[in-house]
Protein backbone atom coordinates (compact mmCIF):
# COMPACT_ATOMS: atom_id res chain seq x y z
CA MET A 1 34.08 -7.36 0.71
CA THR A 2 36.90 -5.26 0.14
CA LEU A 3 35.82 -1.40 -0.61
CA ASN A 4 37.35 1.24 -2.94
CA ILE A 5 38.00 3.96 -1.03
CA ASP A 6 38.40 6.58 -3.93
CA LYS A 7 35.71 5.04 -5.32
CA VAL A 8 33.69 5.79 -2.28
CA LYS A 9 34.51 9.25 -2.05
CA LYS A 10 33.94 10.26 -5.58
CA MET A 11 30.69 8.74 -4.85
CA ILE A 12 29.97 10.78 -1.48
CA ASN A 13 31.40 13.83 -3.70
CA ASN A 14 29.46 13.70 -6.67
CA ASP A 15 26.28 12.25 -5.12
CA GLN A 16 25.94 9.93 -8.00
CA PHE A 17 25.16 5.91 -8.07
CA PRO A 18 25.08 5.04 -11.85
CA ILE A 19 24.20 1.56 -12.55
CA PRO A 20 26.93 -0.60 -13.59
CA LYS A 21 26.55 -1.14 -17.22
CA GLU A 22 27.41 -4.88 -16.96
CA LYS A 23 24.64 -5.52 -14.37
CA ARG A 24 21.58 -3.91 -16.99
CA ALA A 25 18.64 -6.83 -18.28
CA HIS A 26 20.49 -6.17 -21.51
CA GLY A 27 23.58 -8.32 -21.19
CA GLY A 28 25.08 -11.73 -21.51
CA THR A 29 21.80 -13.61 -20.45
CA TYR A 30 19.58 -11.55 -22.20
CA ARG A 31 21.46 -12.81 -25.75
CA LYS A 32 21.37 -15.84 -24.34
CA ALA A 33 17.68 -15.77 -24.17
CA ASN A 34 17.17 -14.39 -27.59
CA ILE A 35 19.73 -17.12 -29.19
CA ALA A 36 17.59 -19.77 -27.38
CA LEU A 37 14.20 -18.25 -28.66
CA GLY A 38 15.61 -18.16 -31.96
CA LEU A 39 17.43 -21.59 -32.37
CA SER A 40 14.19 -22.90 -31.80
CA ALA A 41 12.42 -21.03 -34.25
CA LEU A 42 15.38 -21.69 -36.82
CA GLY A 43 14.90 -25.29 -35.60
CA LEU A 44 11.21 -25.50 -36.22
CA ALA A 45 11.01 -23.94 -39.67
CA ALA A 46 13.96 -26.53 -40.95
CA ALA A 47 12.06 -29.66 -39.54
CA TYR A 48 8.75 -28.30 -40.12
CA PRO A 49 8.74 -29.99 -43.79
CA PHE A 50 10.31 -33.16 -42.28
CA GLN A 51 7.78 -33.73 -39.51
CA SER A 52 6.35 -36.76 -41.20
CA ALA A 53 9.32 -38.82 -40.93
CA PHE A 54 10.70 -39.79 -37.19
CA TRP A 55 13.54 -37.61 -36.53
CA GLY A 56 12.15 -34.83 -38.20
CA GLY A 57 8.54 -35.08 -36.27
CA LEU A 58 10.78 -35.38 -33.13
CA VAL A 59 12.82 -32.05 -33.84
CA THR A 60 9.44 -30.33 -34.57
CA SER A 61 8.19 -31.21 -31.81
CA GLY A 62 10.73 -30.22 -29.52
CA CYS A 63 11.41 -26.89 -31.11
CA SER A 64 7.76 -26.04 -31.32
CA ALA A 65 7.93 -26.26 -27.44
CA ALA A 66 10.86 -25.15 -27.41
CA LEU A 67 9.57 -21.78 -28.77
CA VAL A 68 6.18 -21.83 -27.08
CA GLY A 69 8.17 -21.93 -23.83
CA GLY A 70 10.09 -19.36 -24.75
CA LEU A 71 7.54 -16.98 -26.08
CA ALA A 72 5.56 -17.68 -23.15
CA ASP A 73 7.97 -17.03 -20.79
CA TRP A 74 9.06 -13.95 -22.44
CA PHE A 75 6.12 -12.62 -22.52
CA ALA A 76 5.66 -13.41 -18.43
CA VAL A 77 9.15 -11.50 -17.59
CA ASN A 78 8.01 -8.35 -19.85
CA ALA A 79 4.91 -8.14 -18.21
CA LEU A 80 6.63 -7.38 -14.92
CA PHE A 81 7.78 -4.17 -16.17
CA ARG A 82 5.97 -3.17 -19.46
CA ARG A 83 3.32 -4.01 -21.99
CA PRO A 84 4.78 -6.89 -24.16
CA LEU A 85 3.00 -6.45 -27.62
CA GLY A 86 1.08 -3.41 -26.17
CA VAL A 87 -1.54 -5.71 -24.17
CA PRO A 88 -2.80 -3.81 -21.47
CA ALA A 89 -3.54 -4.90 -17.89
CA GLY A 90 -6.55 -6.19 -17.75
CA LYS A 91 -8.68 -9.29 -16.19
CA VAL A 92 -6.88 -11.68 -18.44
CA PHE A 93 -3.40 -10.28 -18.77
CA ARG A 94 -1.10 -8.71 -16.01
CA THR A 95 1.16 -6.04 -17.54
CA GLU A 96 3.40 -3.48 -16.03
CA ILE A 97 3.05 -5.37 -13.13
CA ILE A 98 5.87 -3.76 -10.94
CA PRO A 99 5.28 -0.01 -12.04
CA ARG A 100 1.56 -0.33 -10.99
CA ASN A 101 2.51 -1.66 -7.94
CA ARG A 102 5.03 0.69 -7.12
CA GLU A 103 3.66 2.16 -4.18
CA ARG A 104 2.99 -0.95 -2.49
CA ILE A 105 6.33 -2.07 -3.01
CA PHE A 106 7.98 1.21 -1.63
CA LEU A 107 5.46 0.72 1.81
CA ALA A 108 6.86 -2.85 2.01
CA LEU A 109 10.62 -1.58 1.41
CA ARG A 110 9.79 0.80 4.01
CA SER A 111 8.56 -1.41 6.78
CA MET A 112 11.45 -3.81 5.66
CA VAL A 113 13.94 -0.68 6.96
CA GLU A 114 12.18 0.43 9.61
CA ASN A 115 10.48 -2.30 11.60
CA GLU A 116 13.13 -5.15 10.44
CA LEU A 117 16.47 -4.61 9.00
CA LEU A 118 16.93 -1.05 11.12
CA SER A 119 14.42 -1.71 13.50
CA HIS A 120 14.07 0.06 17.51
CA GLU A 121 15.43 -3.26 18.88
CA VAL A 122 18.29 -3.73 16.87
CA LEU A 123 19.55 0.03 16.92
CA LYS A 124 19.01 0.23 20.45
CA THR A 125 21.09 -2.78 20.94
CA LYS A 126 23.51 -1.35 18.80
CA VAL A 127 23.72 1.74 20.64
CA GLU A 128 23.70 -0.23 23.95
CA THR A 129 27.11 -2.04 22.90
CA TYR A 130 29.12 0.57 21.09
CA ASP A 131 32.03 1.97 22.02
CA PHE A 132 31.64 6.22 21.68
CA ALA A 133 34.63 6.75 22.92
CA ALA A 134 36.80 6.34 19.46
CA PRO A 135 34.60 8.43 17.39
CA ALA A 136 34.18 10.91 20.14
CA THR A 137 38.08 11.52 20.21
CA ALA A 138 37.78 11.85 16.28
CA ILE A 139 35.16 14.28 16.32
CA TRP A 140 37.00 16.31 18.80
CA LYS A 141 40.34 16.05 16.99
CA ALA A 142 38.35 17.13 13.88
CA LEU A 143 37.00 20.20 15.08
CA ASP A 144 37.57 23.75 13.87
CA ARG A 145 39.14 24.81 16.93
CA ASP A 146 39.76 28.18 16.36
CA SER A 147 35.87 29.19 15.16
CA LEU A 148 35.06 27.18 18.98
CA GLN A 149 37.79 28.97 21.12
CA ASP A 150 36.45 32.21 19.81
CA ILE A 151 32.87 31.23 20.68
CA LEU A 152 33.76 29.76 23.82
CA THR A 153 35.40 33.04 24.75
CA ARG A 154 32.41 34.99 23.89
CA CYS A 155 29.94 32.58 25.50
CA LEU A 156 32.03 33.64 28.97
CA GLN A 157 32.09 36.97 28.11
CA GLN A 158 27.74 36.94 28.08
CA LEU A 159 27.92 34.74 31.14
CA GLN A 160 30.12 37.28 32.67
CA GLU A 161 27.58 39.33 32.10
CA ASN A 162 24.54 37.39 32.96
CA LEU A 163 26.19 36.78 36.07
CA GLY A 164 27.39 40.57 37.33
CA ASP A 165 24.67 40.77 39.39
CA SER A 166 24.63 37.81 41.69
CA VAL A 167 28.63 38.55 41.75
CA GLN A 168 28.35 41.49 43.16
CA GLU A 169 25.14 40.26 45.61
CA LEU A 170 27.86 37.32 47.06
CA HIS A 171 30.75 39.52 47.19
CA GLN A 172 28.83 41.79 49.57
CA GLU A 173 27.77 38.86 51.27
CA SER A 174 31.02 37.10 51.88
CA LEU A 175 33.37 35.32 49.62
CA ALA A 176 34.07 32.77 52.84
CA LEU A 177 30.62 31.86 51.99
CA LEU A 178 31.85 29.95 48.95
CA GLU A 179 33.79 27.45 51.20
CA GLN A 180 30.34 25.97 52.15
CA THR A 181 29.28 23.24 49.42
CA SER A 182 25.41 24.02 50.33
CA ILE A 183 25.60 27.65 49.62
CA ARG A 184 26.91 27.07 46.28
CA GLU A 185 24.00 24.65 45.60
CA GLU A 186 21.48 26.38 47.12
CA GLN A 187 22.44 29.87 45.84
CA PHE A 188 24.82 30.00 43.12
CA ILE A 189 23.57 27.27 40.89
CA PRO A 190 20.19 28.36 40.85
CA TRP A 191 22.23 31.88 39.48
CA ALA A 192 24.30 29.67 37.09
CA GLU A 193 21.13 27.95 35.70
CA LYS A 194 19.63 31.22 34.96
CA ALA A 195 22.47 32.74 33.31
CA PHE A 196 23.31 29.45 31.26
CA HIS A 197 19.36 29.83 30.03
CA ASN A 198 19.87 33.69 29.27
CA LEU A 199 23.17 32.63 27.46
CA LEU A 200 20.98 29.73 25.50
CA ALA A 201 18.68 32.47 24.31
CA GLY A 202 20.86 34.95 23.04
CA GLN A 203 23.00 34.95 20.11
CA GLU A 204 25.83 33.55 21.39
CA GLY A 205 24.15 30.31 22.78
CA LYS A 206 22.78 29.95 18.93
CA LYS A 207 25.92 30.59 17.02
CA ALA A 208 27.57 27.78 19.93
CA VAL A 209 25.23 25.23 19.21
CA ALA A 210 24.99 25.85 15.65
CA ALA A 211 28.84 25.57 15.68
CA LEU A 212 28.94 22.21 17.19
CA LEU A 213 26.30 20.94 14.66
CA ASP A 214 28.03 22.20 11.47
CA ASN A 215 30.85 20.12 13.03
CA LEU A 216 29.08 17.17 13.71
CA SER A 217 27.50 17.52 10.07
CA HIS A 218 30.58 17.47 8.41
CA TRP A 219 31.84 14.55 10.65
CA VAL A 220 28.94 12.22 9.87
CA GLN A 221 29.94 12.32 5.81
CA GLU A 222 33.57 11.32 6.36
CA THR A 223 34.73 8.66 4.38
CA GLU A 224 35.70 6.30 7.62
CA ILE A 225 32.24 6.74 8.87
CA HIS A 226 30.97 5.46 5.10
CA LEU A 227 33.20 2.84 5.01
CA TRP A 228 31.89 1.34 8.75
CA LEU A 229 28.20 1.97 7.94
CA THR A 230 28.42 0.74 4.52
CA ARG A 231 30.02 -2.61 6.16
CA TRP A 232 27.36 -2.78 9.00
CA LEU A 233 24.49 -2.60 6.10
CA GLU A 234 26.43 -5.59 4.56
CA LYS A 235 25.99 -7.64 7.34
CA SER A 236 22.47 -6.51 8.64
CA ILE A 237 20.89 -7.13 5.10
CA GLU A 238 22.65 -10.76 4.84
CA ARG A 239 21.57 -11.73 8.27
CA TYR A 240 17.84 -10.19 6.90
CA ILE A 241 17.91 -13.08 3.92
CA SER A 242 19.40 -15.85 6.05
CA GLN A 243 16.41 -15.72 8.37
CA SER A 244 14.12 -16.47 5.18
CA SER A 245 14.66 -17.42 1.48
CA SER A 246 11.63 -14.98 0.65
CA ARG A 247 12.99 -12.00 1.92
CA LYS A 248 15.96 -12.38 -0.98
CA PHE A 249 13.28 -10.86 -3.56
CA LEU A 250 12.39 -7.74 -0.99
CA ALA A 251 15.74 -7.14 -0.34
CA MET A 252 16.52 -7.13 -4.37
CA PHE A 253 14.54 -3.93 -4.22
CA LEU A 254 17.00 -1.88 -1.53
CA PRO A 255 19.89 -0.07 -3.07
CA ASP A 256 23.52 -1.49 -2.80
CA PRO A 257 25.14 -1.01 0.98
CA SER A 258 27.20 1.58 0.14
CA GLN A 259 24.46 4.00 -1.62
CA LEU A 260 22.13 3.20 1.37
CA ALA A 261 24.98 4.41 3.58
CA HIS A 262 25.71 7.73 1.37
CA SER A 263 21.63 8.44 1.68
CA LEU A 264 21.79 7.76 5.64
CA GLN A 265 24.79 9.91 5.81
CA LYS A 266 23.47 12.76 3.88
CA GLN A 267 20.20 12.89 5.40
CA LEU A 268 21.69 13.12 8.77
CA ALA A 269 23.91 15.70 7.71
CA ASP A 270 21.28 17.44 6.41
CA TYR A 271 19.24 17.35 9.53
CA LEU A 272 21.94 18.34 11.69
CA LEU A 273 21.95 21.59 9.66
CA GLU A 274 18.23 22.17 9.98
CA ASP A 275 17.00 25.09 12.45
CA GLN A 276 14.64 22.94 13.96
CA THR A 277 17.27 20.19 14.95
CA ALA A 278 19.07 23.19 16.51
CA ALA A 279 16.27 24.46 18.23
CA GLU A 280 15.50 20.95 19.85
CA VAL A 281 19.24 20.89 21.30
CA LEU A 282 18.66 24.11 22.64
CA GLU A 283 15.52 22.91 24.18
CA TRP A 284 17.47 19.99 25.58
CA LEU A 285 20.06 22.30 26.97
CA LYS A 286 17.67 24.18 28.76
CA LYS A 287 16.09 21.48 30.58
CA VAL A 288 19.55 20.12 31.90
CA HIS A 289 19.81 20.91 35.65
CA LEU A 290 23.40 22.42 36.41
CA ALA A 291 23.34 20.35 39.71
CA SER A 292 22.81 16.85 37.88
CA THR A 293 25.29 14.49 36.32
CA MET A 294 28.58 15.78 34.80
CA TYR A 295 27.45 19.54 35.40
CA SER A 296 27.45 19.59 39.03
CA LYS A 297 31.09 18.83 38.96
CA LEU A 298 31.60 21.57 36.37
CA ALA A 299 29.82 24.30 38.42
CA GLU A 300 31.40 23.11 41.81
CA THR A 301 35.07 23.45 39.90
CA LEU A 302 34.35 26.71 38.32
CA THR A 303 32.36 28.13 41.01
CA ALA A 304 35.56 30.07 43.12
CA ASP A 305 37.09 30.71 39.69
CA LEU A 306 33.72 32.75 38.37
CA ILE A 307 33.45 34.65 41.45
CA GLN A 308 36.61 35.27 42.23
CA LYS A 309 38.01 36.26 38.95
CA LEU A 310 35.27 36.51 36.50
CA HIS A 311 34.56 39.92 36.86
CA THR A 312 37.80 41.14 34.86
CA PRO A 313 38.70 40.82 31.14
CA GLU A 314 41.87 38.73 31.76
CA SER A 315 39.73 35.83 34.00
CA VAL A 316 37.88 35.06 31.19
CA LEU A 317 40.76 34.33 28.70
CA ALA A 318 42.35 32.54 31.71
CA LEU A 319 39.28 30.72 31.95
CA LYS A 320 38.56 29.83 28.47
CA LYS A 321 41.89 28.19 28.76
CA GLN A 322 41.35 26.38 31.57
CA LEU A 323 38.07 24.92 30.05
CA TRP A 324 39.61 24.11 26.87
CA ARG A 325 42.48 22.23 28.65
CA SER A 326 40.41 20.24 30.82
CA LEU A 327 37.90 19.26 27.85
CA ASP A 328 41.28 18.30 25.70
CA GLU A 329 42.58 16.12 28.36
CA GLY A 330 38.85 14.47 29.09
CA VAL A 331 38.55 13.54 26.00
CA LEU A 332 41.69 12.25 25.25
CA SER A 333 41.55 10.24 28.43
CA LEU A 334 39.10 8.31 27.24
CA ASN A 335 41.25 5.92 25.07
CA GLU A 336 43.80 5.63 28.58
CA SER A 337 41.03 5.19 30.87
CA PRO A 338 38.51 2.22 30.71
CA GLU A 339 36.25 3.59 33.48
CA LYS A 340 35.94 7.15 32.06
CA ARG A 341 35.31 5.38 28.86
CA HIS A 342 32.56 3.60 30.17
CA GLY A 343 31.18 6.95 32.14
CA PHE A 344 31.36 8.17 28.71
CA ASN A 345 29.24 5.47 27.13
CA GLN A 346 26.59 5.23 29.59
CA HIS A 347 26.37 9.42 29.20
CA VAL A 348 26.20 9.15 25.45
CA GLN A 349 23.73 6.09 25.52
CA SER A 350 21.41 8.10 28.08
CA LEU A 351 21.65 11.11 25.60
CA LEU A 352 20.68 8.95 22.34
CA LEU A 353 18.37 6.00 23.34
CA PRO A 354 15.63 9.00 24.21
CA PHE A 355 16.45 10.65 21.03
CA LEU A 356 15.90 7.09 19.15
CA ASP A 357 12.89 6.26 20.95
CA ASN A 358 11.18 10.08 19.49
CA LYS A 359 12.80 9.94 15.70
CA HIS A 360 13.02 5.92 14.88
CA GLU A 361 10.02 6.93 12.61
CA LYS A 362 12.66 9.21 10.92
CA ILE A 363 14.16 6.42 9.25
CA GLY A 364 11.08 4.89 7.55
CA GLU A 365 10.29 8.56 6.24
CA ILE A 366 14.14 8.96 4.80
CA VAL A 367 13.54 5.31 2.90
CA HIS A 368 10.87 6.10 1.76
CA GLU A 369 11.61 9.83 0.53
CA GLY A 370 14.36 8.44 -1.03
CA LEU A 371 12.50 5.75 -2.99
CA GLU A 372 10.02 8.46 -4.21
CA LYS A 373 12.78 9.63 -6.34
CA TYR A 374 12.54 7.01 -8.32
CA SER A 375 10.36 7.36 -11.14
CA ASN A 376 8.53 4.32 -13.01
CA GLU A 377 11.50 4.00 -15.62
CA MET A 378 14.18 4.12 -12.98
CA LEU A 379 12.52 1.46 -10.46
CA VAL A 380 12.38 -0.69 -13.63
CA GLU A 381 16.09 -0.18 -14.74
CA LEU A 382 16.93 -0.50 -10.86
CA ILE A 383 15.07 -4.18 -10.63
CA GLU A 384 16.42 -5.33 -14.26
CA SER A 385 19.99 -4.45 -12.96
CA LYS A 386 19.79 -6.27 -9.75
CA ALA A 387 17.49 -9.32 -10.82
CA GLY A 388 17.63 -8.78 -14.77
CA ASP A 389 20.36 -12.26 -15.12
CA ASP A 390 17.96 -14.52 -12.96
CA LEU A 391 14.73 -13.05 -14.83
CA GLN A 392 16.68 -14.17 -18.57
CA MET A 393 17.37 -17.61 -16.97
CA ILE A 394 13.94 -17.86 -16.10
CA ARG A 395 13.59 -17.33 -20.76
CA ILE A 396 16.19 -19.91 -21.27
CA ASN A 397 14.89 -22.35 -18.33
CA GLY A 398 11.54 -21.93 -20.66
CA SER A 399 12.76 -22.86 -24.03
CA VAL A 400 14.77 -25.84 -22.43
CA VAL A 401 12.06 -27.15 -20.49
CA GLY A 402 9.63 -26.69 -23.30
CA GLY A 403 11.84 -27.96 -25.79
CA VAL A 404 12.26 -31.72 -23.33
CA ALA A 405 8.60 -31.42 -23.01
CA GLY A 406 7.92 -31.47 -26.57
CA ILE A 407 10.64 -34.52 -27.51
CA ALA A 408 8.77 -36.57 -24.69
CA ILE A 409 5.37 -35.87 -25.71
CA TYR A 410 6.31 -37.05 -29.34
CA LEU A 411 8.17 -40.13 -28.14
CA ALA A 412 5.52 -41.08 -25.74
CA SER A 413 2.71 -40.59 -28.94
CA GLN A 414 4.76 -42.56 -31.10
CA LEU A 415 4.98 -45.53 -28.31
CA LEU A 416 1.37 -45.72 -28.03
CA VAL A 417 0.51 -45.45 -31.70
């Protein structure tokens, strides 16, 4: 399936998903069903005066059965969505079946998406096998560098103030002690952690996290992400339907994969901009120990610079350039070094898998919130746009089968008489 990128961009920008006119129920098949019903009525009216003759009786029997079959199926199809002939729902006649079962349909759709289409196992497998290096490079290139560098400078200045007392103490003892790794780990890293936590608790740390989340929010709404997510959803839905033919009916209620992808993008972008998300990220950062994983190497590399130079304003700018250059080289090297790529993917997975464990139920909430926006009329229009032709074919089949049955009954009666 080839996606129209300009159309996708327009959909994303306007947040509109009109139902194509050619897919509405009142299309060609609807007219054919009415024509079949009209021809049955016309044939009955024309042949009825001559029913005593063989051919008149044959046409009368066939057309009357076709008319009854067509009318019965017309009533049945319309009863799915509304009250045909104004007949209310009761023990004998079931009308407005879909509007009356709206909540049950929504719950079934939520369960389908949350537990089967985008189940925890499916997403976990996707996270464990996905290569995050390419999107990481794309995000890094798309960042608002001037803004982030300015925030990084202010963060280092704040860190300089928080570390001031510790630096003075180490100066008084001996800078030579920093040659010993154990001294760095036992004395400096706890001080650095304390300063890091103070930074996170202050305005500069909050601004840094907010800027990062804002950049991520813009990135997840990129057209390239939309196209990738749409293709993945298309394959997932096709795989889901192929496992059971009965699932096709339920999947029919789902929005188009492109619409579903847009909805997920928008919900994720909004989630990244929520104050609660920033608070959760800050809380997670506070639990990170500088003496573990990648932070230990960063702390060890920067210890000497922090102690030797951080007491001057010029060194803050130099350290910012060094940090930015290291980050730039590190991210871009992911495309060149398979080992770094593998290590980076493992680190991202270690961050995302716990997040997936804790937030997977959000998928069901997103689906349900999106469906709740559909009124009964919108739900009917959606289903008719998806299955309108098939439902109208039921009416045509009713007229055809009824007509054939009527002719067969008439011929059988003539043979038996």
